[in-house]
C-alpha atoms as a PDB file:
ATOM      1  CA  MET A   1      26.890 -16.356  -2.233  1.00  0.00           C
ATOM      2  CA  GLY A   2      23.209 -16.092  -3.189  1.00  0.00           C
ATOM      3  CA  SER A   3      21.120 -12.952  -2.987  1.00  0.00           C
ATOM      4  CA  LYS A   4      18.409 -12.668  -0.337  1.00  0.00           C
ATOM      5  CA  GLN A   5      16.447 -10.212  -2.465  1.00  0.00           C
ATOM      6  CA  ARG A   6      12.897 -11.350  -3.180  1.00  0.00           C
ATOM      7  CA  ALA A   7      10.751 -10.486  -6.159  1.00  0.00           C
ATOM      8  CA  TYR A   8       7.110  -9.684  -5.438  1.00  0.00           C
ATOM      9  CA  ASP A   9       4.522  -9.933  -8.175  1.00  0.00           C
ATOM     10  CA  ALA A  10       2.231  -7.045  -9.055  1.00  0.00           C
ATOM     11  CA  GLU A  11      -0.743  -8.633  -7.293  1.00  0.00           C
ATOM     12  CA  PHE A  12       1.172  -8.865  -4.000  1.00  0.00           C
ATOM     13  CA  ARG A  13       2.424  -5.257  -4.257  1.00  0.00           C
ATOM     14  CA  GLU A  14      -1.036  -3.928  -5.094  1.00  0.00           C
ATOM     15  CA  GLY A  15      -2.574  -5.874  -2.214  1.00  0.00           C
ATOM     16  CA  ALA A  16       0.038  -4.588   0.233  1.00  0.00           C
ATOM     17  CA  VAL A  17      -0.525  -0.999  -0.880  1.00  0.00           C
ATOM     18  CA  ARG A  18      -4.293  -1.492  -0.615  1.00  0.00           C
ATOM     19  CA  ILE A  19      -3.852  -2.616   3.012  1.00  0.00           C
ATOM     20  CA  VAL A  20      -1.920   0.573   3.842  1.00  0.00           C
ATOM     21  CA  ILE A  21      -4.435   2.825   2.121  1.00  0.00           C
ATOM     22  CA  GLU A  22      -7.646   1.148   3.289  1.00  0.00           C
ATOM     23  CA  THR A  23      -6.688   0.362   6.892  1.00  0.00           C
ATOM     24  CA  GLY A  24      -4.663   3.464   7.658  1.00  0.00           C
ATOM     25  CA  LYS A  25      -2.006   1.305   9.319  1.00  0.00           C
ATOM     26  CA  PRO A  26       1.562   2.639   9.259  1.00  0.00           C
ATOM     27  CA  ILE A  27       3.834   1.294   6.528  1.00  0.00           C
ATOM     28  CA  PRO A  28       6.251  -0.318   9.031  1.00  0.00           C
ATOM     29  CA  GLU A  29       3.394  -2.190  10.723  1.00  0.00           C
ATOM     30  CA  VAL A  30       1.974  -3.543   7.459  1.00  0.00           C
ATOM     31  CA  ALA A  31       5.467  -4.413   6.245  1.00  0.00           C
ATOM     32  CA  GLU A  32       6.161  -6.414   9.400  1.00  0.00           C
ATOM     33  CA  GLU A  33       2.827  -8.247   9.099  1.00  0.00           C
ATOM     34  CA  LEU A  34       3.650  -9.187   5.499  1.00  0.00           C
ATOM     35  CA  GLY A  35       7.308  -9.983   6.156  1.00  0.00           C
ATOM     36  CA  VAL A  36       8.674  -7.320   3.811  1.00  0.00           C
ATOM     37  CA  ASN A  37      11.055  -4.419   4.295  1.00  0.00           C
ATOM     38  CA  PRO A  38       9.257  -1.094   4.985  1.00  0.00           C
ATOM     39  CA  GLY A  39      11.305   0.517   2.204  1.00  0.00           C
ATOM     40  CA  THR A  40      10.027  -2.081  -0.230  1.00  0.00           C
ATOM     41  CA  LEU A  41       6.438  -1.317   0.731  1.00  0.00           C
ATOM     42  CA  ARG A  42       7.064   2.440   0.566  1.00  0.00           C
ATOM     43  CA  ALA A  43       8.521   1.990  -2.948  1.00  0.00           C
ATOM     44  CA  ALA A  44       5.491  -0.051  -4.027  1.00  0.00           C
ATOM     45  CA  LEU A  45       3.200   2.687  -2.694  1.00  0.00           C
ATOM     46  CA  ALA A  46       5.174   5.323  -4.597  1.00  0.00           C
ATOM     47  CA  ALA A  47       5.125   3.252  -7.793  1.00  0.00           C
ATOM     48  CA  LEU A  48       1.337   2.952  -7.661  1.00  0.00           C
ATOM     49  CA  THR A  49       0.418   6.411  -6.363  1.00  0.00           C
ATOM     50  CA  GLY A  50       3.378   8.671  -7.137  1.00  0.00           C
ATOM     51  CA  PRO A  51       6.227   9.905  -4.920  1.00  0.00           C
ATOM     52  CA  VAL A  52       5.609   9.607  -1.190  1.00  0.00           C
ATOM     53  CA  ASP A  53       7.114  11.864   1.467  1.00  0.00           C
ATOM     54  CA  PRO A  54       9.925   9.762   3.006  1.00  0.00           C
ATOM     55  CA  GLY A  55       8.815  10.798   6.505  1.00  0.00           C
ATOM     56  CA  TRP A  56       5.302   9.511   5.923  1.00  0.00           C
ATOM     57  CA  ASN A  57       4.780   6.206   7.732  1.00  0.00           C
ATOM     58  CA  GLY A  58       1.102   5.522   7.353  1.00  0.00           C
ATOM     59  CA  ALA A  59      -2.218   6.405   5.898  1.00  0.00           C
ATOM     60  CA  ALA A  60      -3.775   8.128   8.901  1.00  0.00           C
ATOM     61  CA  ASP A  61      -4.045  11.383   6.955  1.00  0.00           C
ATOM     62  CA  LEU A  62      -5.475   9.839   3.803  1.00  0.00           C
ATOM     63  CA  HIS A  63      -8.823  11.120   2.629  1.00  0.00           C
ATOM     64  CA  GLY A  64     -10.432   9.509  -0.369  1.00  0.00           C
ATOM     65  CA  GLY A  65      -7.894   6.742  -0.997  1.00  0.00           C
ATOM     66  CA  ALA A  66      -4.655   7.092  -2.909  1.00  0.00           C
ATOM     67  CA  ALA A  67      -5.484  10.653  -3.994  1.00  0.00           C
ATOM     68  CA  GLY A  68      -4.765  11.834  -0.457  1.00  0.00           C
ATOM     69  CA  VAL A  69      -1.212  10.475  -0.231  1.00  0.00           C
ATOM     70  CA  ARG A  70       1.202  13.208   0.782  1.00  0.00           C
ATOM     71  CA  ARG A  71       3.546  13.890  -2.070  1.00  0.00           C
ATOM     72  CA  ARG A  72       7.083  15.243  -2.035  1.00  0.00           C
ATOM     73  CA  GLN A  73       7.334  18.879  -2.969  1.00  0.00           C
END
Protein backbone atom coordinates (compact mmCIF):
# COMPACT_ATOMS: atom_id res chain seq x y z
CA MET A 1 0.00 0.00 0.00
CA GLY A 2 1.35 3.44 -0.92
CA SER A 3 2.18 6.19 1.53
CA LYS A 4 -0.02 9.29 1.70
CA GLN A 5 2.86 11.38 3.02
CA ARG A 6 3.61 14.42 0.87
CA ALA A 7 6.91 16.20 0.45
CA TYR A 8 6.79 19.99 0.42
CA ASP A 9 9.61 21.98 -1.10
CA ALA A 10 11.44 24.69 0.82
CA GLU A 11 9.63 27.48 -1.04
CA PHE A 12 6.22 26.11 -0.02
CA ARG A 13 7.27 25.69 3.64
CA GLU A 14 8.77 29.17 3.80
CA GLY A 15 5.65 30.68 2.23
CA ALA A 16 3.37 28.85 4.67
CA VAL A 17 5.43 30.02 7.64
CA ARG A 18 5.42 33.58 6.26
CA ILE A 19 1.60 33.48 6.14
CA VAL A 20 1.44 32.48 9.82
CA ILE A 21 3.93 35.13 10.90
CA GLU A 22 2.69 38.02 8.76
CA THR A 23 -1.07 37.50 9.08
CA GLY A 24 -1.20 36.38 12.70
CA LYS A 25 -3.62 33.61 11.73
CA PRO A 26 -3.57 30.47 13.89
CA ILE A 27 -1.53 27.55 12.60
CA PRO A 28 -4.59 25.26 12.28
CA GLU A 29 -6.42 27.86 10.16
CA VAL A 30 -3.49 28.39 7.79
CA ALA A 31 -2.90 24.64 7.60
CA GLU A 32 -6.52 24.03 6.61
CA GLU A 33 -6.37 26.77 3.96
CA LEU A 34 -3.24 25.19 2.48
CA GLY A 35 -4.44 21.60 2.82
CA VAL A 36 -1.64 20.51 5.15
CA ASN A 37 -1.59 18.96 8.59
CA PRO A 38 -1.21 21.55 11.41
CA GLY A 39 1.68 19.50 12.82
CA THR A 40 3.47 19.75 9.50
CA LEU A 41 3.10 23.52 9.51
CA ARG A 42 4.17 23.74 13.16
CA ALA A 43 7.29 21.67 12.32
CA ALA A 44 8.10 23.95 9.37
CA LEU A 45 7.76 26.98 11.65
CA ALA A 46 10.07 25.38 14.21
CA ALA A 47 12.61 24.44 11.52
CA LEU A 48 12.78 28.03 10.29
CA THR A 49 12.52 29.91 13.60
CA GLY A 50 13.56 27.45 16.31
CA PRO A 51 11.46 25.35 18.71
CA VAL A 52 7.87 26.47 19.11
CA ASP A 53 5.75 25.97 22.22
CA PRO A 54 3.44 23.04 21.33
CA GLY A 55 0.46 24.90 22.81
CA TRP A 56 1.04 27.89 20.56
CA ASN A 57 -1.50 27.94 17.73
CA GLY A 58 -0.95 31.26 16.05
CA ALA A 59 1.01 34.41 15.69
CA ALA A 60 -1.27 36.78 17.59
CA ASP A 61 1.47 37.46 20.13
CA LEU A 62 4.24 37.98 17.60
CA HIS A 63 6.03 41.30 17.67
CA GLY A 64 8.66 42.00 15.06
CA GLY A 65 8.29 38.83 12.98
CA ALA A 66 9.89 35.49 13.71
CA ALA A 67 11.94 36.92 16.59
CA GLY A 68 8.78 37.06 18.69
CA VAL A 69 7.85 33.38 18.38
CA ARG A 70 7.35 31.84 21.80
CA ARG A 71 10.03 29.28 22.40
CA ARG A 72 9.99 26.19 24.59
CA GLN A 73 11.81 26.62 27.86
